[in-house]
């Protein structure tokens, strides 16, 4: 399922360019345009849903799949010594694009 007005759905459909580092039938990973670390990637589910609270069993399997793929993708993109994963949920948490995505931050020692 996609949302015609969602920027991440448009990136996944190839309508908006992005610096992709990984893509398969379930997910897309690309470089954040406003990086907060030396390496800042966004892992985006191709199935559009906004929040973890909207997960059903199928979507939970999708998130599990993404979490299993991230270690290899992170290491291949400069995060050999570790990385941080962030999933913002809602406006108060800083979520600005309401399509589930996982920030992958690393490539340097990260402050807390």
N, C-alpha and C. Protein backbone atom coordinates (compact mmCIF):
# COMPACT_ATOMS: atom_id res chain seq x y z
N UNK A 1 0.84 -1.17 0.00
CA UNK A 1 0.00 0.00 0.00
C UNK A 1 0.89 1.24 0.00
N UNK A 2 0.53 2.24 -0.78
CA UNK A 2 1.26 3.50 -0.82
C UNK A 2 0.30 4.66 -0.61
N UNK A 3 0.87 5.81 -0.29
CA UNK A 3 0.11 7.05 -0.12
C UNK A 3 0.64 8.03 -1.16
N UNK A 4 -0.20 8.47 -2.07
CA UNK A 4 0.22 9.34 -3.17
C UNK A 4 0.83 10.65 -2.70
N UNK A 5 0.53 11.07 -1.48
CA UNK A 5 1.04 12.35 -0.96
C UNK A 5 2.28 12.20 -0.08
N UNK A 6 2.74 10.98 0.13
CA UNK A 6 3.86 10.71 1.04
C UNK A 6 5.20 10.82 0.30
N UNK A 7 6.10 11.63 0.84
CA UNK A 7 7.40 11.82 0.21
C UNK A 7 8.19 10.51 0.14
N UNK A 8 8.11 9.66 1.18
CA UNK A 8 8.86 8.41 1.15
C UNK A 8 8.25 7.43 0.15
N UNK A 9 6.93 7.43 -0.01
CA UNK A 9 6.31 6.60 -1.05
C UNK A 9 6.76 7.06 -2.43
N UNK A 10 6.89 8.39 -2.61
CA UNK A 10 7.34 8.93 -3.89
C UNK A 10 8.80 8.57 -4.15
N UNK A 11 9.63 8.58 -3.13
CA UNK A 11 11.02 8.17 -3.29
C UNK A 11 11.08 6.70 -3.66
N UNK A 12 10.32 5.86 -2.97
CA UNK A 12 10.30 4.42 -3.25
C UNK A 12 9.81 4.14 -4.67
N UNK A 13 8.90 4.97 -5.18
CA UNK A 13 8.37 4.79 -6.53
C UNK A 13 9.28 5.39 -7.60
N UNK A 14 10.37 6.07 -7.18
CA UNK A 14 11.27 6.68 -8.14
C UNK A 14 10.82 8.04 -8.64
N UNK A 15 9.80 8.60 -8.04
CA UNK A 15 9.28 9.90 -8.46
C UNK A 15 10.11 11.06 -7.92
N UNK A 16 10.80 10.83 -6.80
CA UNK A 16 11.70 11.81 -6.20
C UNK A 16 13.06 11.14 -6.08
N UNK A 17 14.13 11.80 -6.54
CA UNK A 17 15.45 11.17 -6.46
C UNK A 17 15.96 11.08 -5.02
N UNK A 18 16.76 10.06 -4.78
CA UNK A 18 17.40 9.86 -3.48
C UNK A 18 18.72 9.13 -3.72
N UNK A 19 19.65 9.28 -2.80
CA UNK A 19 20.92 8.57 -2.87
C UNK A 19 20.74 7.21 -2.21
N UNK A 20 20.24 6.26 -2.99
CA UNK A 20 19.93 4.92 -2.49
C UNK A 20 21.21 4.14 -2.23
N UNK A 21 21.21 3.40 -1.11
CA UNK A 21 22.32 2.51 -0.80
C UNK A 21 21.87 1.04 -0.79
N UNK A 22 20.56 0.81 -0.72
CA UNK A 22 20.03 -0.55 -0.74
C UNK A 22 18.55 -0.49 -1.12
N UNK A 23 18.11 -1.49 -1.87
CA UNK A 23 16.69 -1.60 -2.18
C UNK A 23 16.35 -3.04 -2.50
N UNK A 24 15.22 -3.48 -2.02
CA UNK A 24 14.64 -4.76 -2.41
C UNK A 24 13.13 -4.58 -2.47
N UNK A 25 12.40 -5.66 -2.56
CA UNK A 25 10.94 -5.57 -2.72
C UNK A 25 10.22 -5.08 -1.47
N UNK A 26 10.88 -5.10 -0.31
CA UNK A 26 10.23 -4.74 0.95
C UNK A 26 10.67 -3.41 1.54
N UNK A 27 11.89 -2.99 1.19
CA UNK A 27 12.43 -1.80 1.85
C UNK A 27 13.40 -1.06 0.95
N UNK A 28 13.67 0.17 1.34
CA UNK A 28 14.60 1.03 0.65
C UNK A 28 15.43 1.73 1.71
N UNK A 29 16.75 1.87 1.45
CA UNK A 29 17.62 2.60 2.35
C UNK A 29 18.34 3.66 1.53
N UNK A 30 18.29 4.90 2.02
CA UNK A 30 18.93 6.00 1.31
C UNK A 30 19.53 6.98 2.31
N UNK A 31 20.40 7.86 1.80
CA UNK A 31 21.07 8.84 2.64
C UNK A 31 20.11 9.98 3.00
N UNK A 32 20.12 10.38 4.27
CA UNK A 32 19.29 11.48 4.73
C UNK A 32 19.82 12.78 4.12
N UNK A 33 18.92 13.66 3.68
CA UNK A 33 19.35 14.91 3.06
C UNK A 33 19.78 15.95 4.10
N UNK A 34 19.48 15.71 5.38
CA UNK A 34 19.92 16.59 6.47
C UNK A 34 20.59 15.72 7.54
N UNK A 35 21.79 15.20 7.24
CA UNK A 35 22.42 14.23 8.14
C UNK A 35 22.74 14.81 9.52
N UNK A 36 22.53 13.97 10.52
CA UNK A 36 22.82 14.31 11.91
C UNK A 36 24.06 13.58 12.42
N UNK A 37 24.73 12.83 11.53
CA UNK A 37 25.95 12.11 11.87
C UNK A 37 26.73 11.92 10.57
N UNK A 38 27.98 11.47 10.69
CA UNK A 38 28.80 11.23 9.50
C UNK A 38 28.09 10.29 8.53
N UNK A 39 27.44 9.27 9.07
CA UNK A 39 26.58 8.39 8.29
C UNK A 39 25.17 8.55 8.83
N UNK A 40 24.24 8.91 7.97
CA UNK A 40 22.84 9.02 8.38
C UNK A 40 22.00 8.48 7.24
N UNK A 41 21.51 7.27 7.45
CA UNK A 41 20.69 6.59 6.45
C UNK A 41 19.26 6.48 6.97
N UNK A 42 18.33 6.37 6.04
CA UNK A 42 16.94 6.12 6.38
C UNK A 42 16.51 4.80 5.76
N UNK A 43 16.05 3.88 6.59
CA UNK A 43 15.50 2.61 6.13
C UNK A 43 13.99 2.78 6.12
N UNK A 44 13.39 2.66 4.94
CA UNK A 44 11.98 2.94 4.75
C UNK A 44 11.25 1.69 4.30
N UNK A 45 10.18 1.37 4.98
CA UNK A 45 9.31 0.27 4.56
C UNK A 45 8.58 0.69 3.29
N UNK A 46 8.49 -0.19 2.32
CA UNK A 46 7.75 0.15 1.10
C UNK A 46 6.24 0.09 1.33
N UNK A 47 5.81 -0.62 2.36
CA UNK A 47 4.40 -0.63 2.76
C UNK A 47 4.17 0.60 3.61
N UNK A 48 3.29 1.48 3.18
CA UNK A 48 3.05 2.73 3.90
C UNK A 48 2.21 2.49 5.15
N UNK A 49 2.81 2.79 6.28
CA UNK A 49 2.07 2.95 7.53
C UNK A 49 2.85 3.91 8.39
N UNK A 50 2.18 4.62 9.26
CA UNK A 50 2.77 5.75 9.94
C UNK A 50 3.49 5.41 11.24
N UNK A 51 2.88 4.56 12.05
CA UNK A 51 3.35 4.35 13.41
C UNK A 51 3.44 2.86 13.75
N UNK A 52 4.28 2.55 14.71
CA UNK A 52 4.37 1.17 15.18
C UNK A 52 3.02 0.69 15.71
N UNK A 53 2.23 1.60 16.25
CA UNK A 53 0.93 1.21 16.79
C UNK A 53 -0.04 0.76 15.70
N UNK A 54 0.29 1.01 14.43
CA UNK A 54 -0.54 0.57 13.31
C UNK A 54 -0.14 -0.80 12.79
N UNK A 55 0.86 -1.42 13.44
CA UNK A 55 1.33 -2.72 12.96
C UNK A 55 0.33 -3.81 13.21
N UNK A 56 0.20 -4.67 12.22
CA UNK A 56 -0.48 -5.95 12.38
C UNK A 56 0.61 -7.00 12.25
N UNK A 57 0.24 -8.26 12.18
CA UNK A 57 1.24 -9.32 12.09
C UNK A 57 2.14 -9.21 10.87
N UNK A 58 1.56 -8.88 9.72
CA UNK A 58 2.33 -8.76 8.49
C UNK A 58 3.32 -7.60 8.56
N UNK A 59 2.88 -6.49 9.10
CA UNK A 59 3.77 -5.33 9.23
C UNK A 59 4.84 -5.57 10.27
N UNK A 60 4.51 -6.30 11.33
CA UNK A 60 5.52 -6.65 12.33
C UNK A 60 6.61 -7.50 11.69
N UNK A 61 6.23 -8.40 10.80
CA UNK A 61 7.24 -9.20 10.08
C UNK A 61 8.09 -8.32 9.17
N UNK A 62 7.49 -7.29 8.59
CA UNK A 62 8.23 -6.35 7.75
C UNK A 62 9.27 -5.60 8.58
N UNK A 63 8.89 -5.11 9.74
CA UNK A 63 9.82 -4.40 10.62
C UNK A 63 10.93 -5.35 11.07
N UNK A 64 10.58 -6.58 11.40
CA UNK A 64 11.59 -7.58 11.76
C UNK A 64 12.56 -7.79 10.61
N UNK A 65 12.05 -7.92 9.39
CA UNK A 65 12.88 -8.09 8.20
C UNK A 65 13.85 -6.92 8.07
N UNK A 66 13.33 -5.69 8.22
CA UNK A 66 14.18 -4.51 8.11
C UNK A 66 15.28 -4.52 9.17
N UNK A 67 14.92 -4.85 10.40
CA UNK A 67 15.91 -4.87 11.48
C UNK A 67 16.97 -5.94 11.25
N UNK A 68 16.61 -7.03 10.59
CA UNK A 68 17.59 -8.08 10.27
C UNK A 68 18.52 -7.67 9.14
N UNK A 69 18.07 -6.81 8.22
CA UNK A 69 18.89 -6.36 7.09
C UNK A 69 19.82 -5.20 7.47
N UNK A 70 19.42 -4.40 8.44
CA UNK A 70 20.15 -3.18 8.79
C UNK A 70 21.61 -3.42 9.18
N UNK A 71 21.96 -4.44 9.98
CA UNK A 71 23.38 -4.58 10.35
C UNK A 71 24.32 -4.67 9.14
N UNK A 72 23.97 -5.44 8.15
CA UNK A 72 24.81 -5.58 6.96
C UNK A 72 24.88 -4.26 6.19
N UNK A 73 23.74 -3.60 6.04
CA UNK A 73 23.69 -2.33 5.31
C UNK A 73 24.50 -1.27 6.04
N UNK A 74 24.37 -1.20 7.36
CA UNK A 74 25.10 -0.22 8.16
C UNK A 74 26.60 -0.44 8.02
N UNK A 75 27.05 -1.69 8.14
CA UNK A 75 28.48 -1.98 8.04
C UNK A 75 29.02 -1.62 6.66
N UNK A 76 28.26 -1.92 5.62
CA UNK A 76 28.69 -1.61 4.26
C UNK A 76 28.76 -0.11 3.98
N UNK A 77 28.14 0.68 4.84
CA UNK A 77 28.09 2.12 4.62
C UNK A 77 28.86 2.92 5.68
N UNK A 78 29.86 2.31 6.29
CA UNK A 78 30.75 3.05 7.16
C UNK A 78 30.47 2.98 8.63
N UNK A 79 29.65 2.05 9.06
CA UNK A 79 29.32 1.92 10.49
C UNK A 79 29.90 0.63 11.07
N UNK A 80 31.16 0.38 10.81
CA UNK A 80 31.80 -0.86 11.27
C UNK A 80 31.98 -0.90 12.79
N UNK A 81 32.10 0.26 13.43
CA UNK A 81 32.34 0.30 14.88
C UNK A 81 31.08 0.53 15.69
N UNK A 82 29.93 0.48 15.04
CA UNK A 82 28.67 0.66 15.76
C UNK A 82 27.79 1.70 15.09
N UNK A 83 26.54 1.71 15.50
CA UNK A 83 25.57 2.64 14.95
C UNK A 83 24.39 2.73 15.90
N UNK A 84 23.58 3.74 15.70
CA UNK A 84 22.38 3.95 16.50
C UNK A 84 21.17 3.86 15.59
N UNK A 85 20.11 3.23 16.07
CA UNK A 85 18.84 3.19 15.35
C UNK A 85 17.84 4.07 16.09
N UNK A 86 17.08 4.86 15.33
CA UNK A 86 16.07 5.74 15.91
C UNK A 86 14.79 5.58 15.10
N UNK A 87 13.68 5.38 15.81
CA UNK A 87 12.36 5.37 15.18
C UNK A 87 11.53 6.41 15.91
N UNK A 88 11.34 7.56 15.31
CA UNK A 88 10.51 8.61 15.91
C UNK A 88 9.05 8.24 15.71
N UNK A 89 8.25 8.46 16.75
CA UNK A 89 6.84 8.11 16.73
C UNK A 89 6.00 9.30 17.14
N UNK A 90 5.47 10.03 16.17
CA UNK A 90 4.60 11.16 16.45
C UNK A 90 5.34 12.49 16.49
N UNK A 91 4.57 13.55 16.44
CA UNK A 91 5.12 14.90 16.39
C UNK A 91 5.99 15.22 17.60
N UNK A 92 5.57 14.83 18.80
CA UNK A 92 6.34 15.15 20.00
C UNK A 92 7.72 14.50 19.98
N UNK A 93 7.87 13.41 19.25
CA UNK A 93 9.15 12.71 19.16
C UNK A 93 10.00 13.24 18.00
N UNK A 94 9.46 14.15 17.21
CA UNK A 94 10.21 14.70 16.10
C UNK A 94 9.94 14.05 14.76
N UNK A 95 8.92 13.21 14.68
CA UNK A 95 8.59 12.58 13.40
C UNK A 95 8.04 13.65 12.47
N UNK A 96 8.69 13.82 11.32
CA UNK A 96 8.25 14.84 10.35
C UNK A 96 7.66 14.21 9.09
N UNK A 97 8.05 12.98 8.79
CA UNK A 97 7.45 12.26 7.67
C UNK A 97 6.69 11.08 8.28
N UNK A 98 5.38 11.07 8.09
CA UNK A 98 4.54 10.07 8.73
C UNK A 98 4.41 8.83 7.86
N UNK A 99 5.56 8.16 7.72
CA UNK A 99 5.71 6.88 7.04
C UNK A 99 6.79 6.18 7.86
N UNK A 100 6.52 4.99 8.34
CA UNK A 100 7.48 4.33 9.22
C UNK A 100 8.85 4.28 8.58
N UNK A 101 9.86 4.73 9.31
CA UNK A 101 11.25 4.67 8.85
C UNK A 101 12.17 4.59 10.05
N UNK A 102 13.34 4.04 9.79
CA UNK A 102 14.34 3.83 10.83
C UNK A 102 15.58 4.62 10.45
N UNK A 103 16.00 5.52 11.33
CA UNK A 103 17.24 6.27 11.13
C UNK A 103 18.40 5.37 11.54
N UNK A 104 19.43 5.33 10.71
CA UNK A 104 20.67 4.61 11.01
C UNK A 104 21.76 5.67 11.08
N UNK A 105 22.31 5.87 12.28
CA UNK A 105 23.31 6.91 12.50
C UNK A 105 24.61 6.29 12.96
N UNK A 106 25.73 6.74 12.39
CA UNK A 106 27.02 6.21 12.80
C UNK A 106 28.15 6.86 12.03
N UNK A 107 29.25 6.11 11.92
CA UNK A 107 30.41 6.62 11.22
C UNK A 107 31.28 7.53 12.06
N UNK A 108 30.91 7.68 13.33
CA UNK A 108 31.65 8.52 14.26
C UNK A 108 31.17 8.17 15.67
N UNK A 109 31.87 8.67 16.69
CA UNK A 109 31.40 8.49 18.06
C UNK A 109 30.22 9.43 18.25
N UNK A 110 29.09 8.88 18.62
CA UNK A 110 27.86 9.65 18.74
C UNK A 110 27.65 10.14 20.18
N UNK A 111 27.33 11.41 20.35
CA UNK A 111 26.98 11.88 21.70
C UNK A 111 25.59 11.38 22.05
N UNK A 112 25.29 11.34 23.31
CA UNK A 112 23.94 10.90 23.69
C UNK A 112 23.07 12.07 23.72
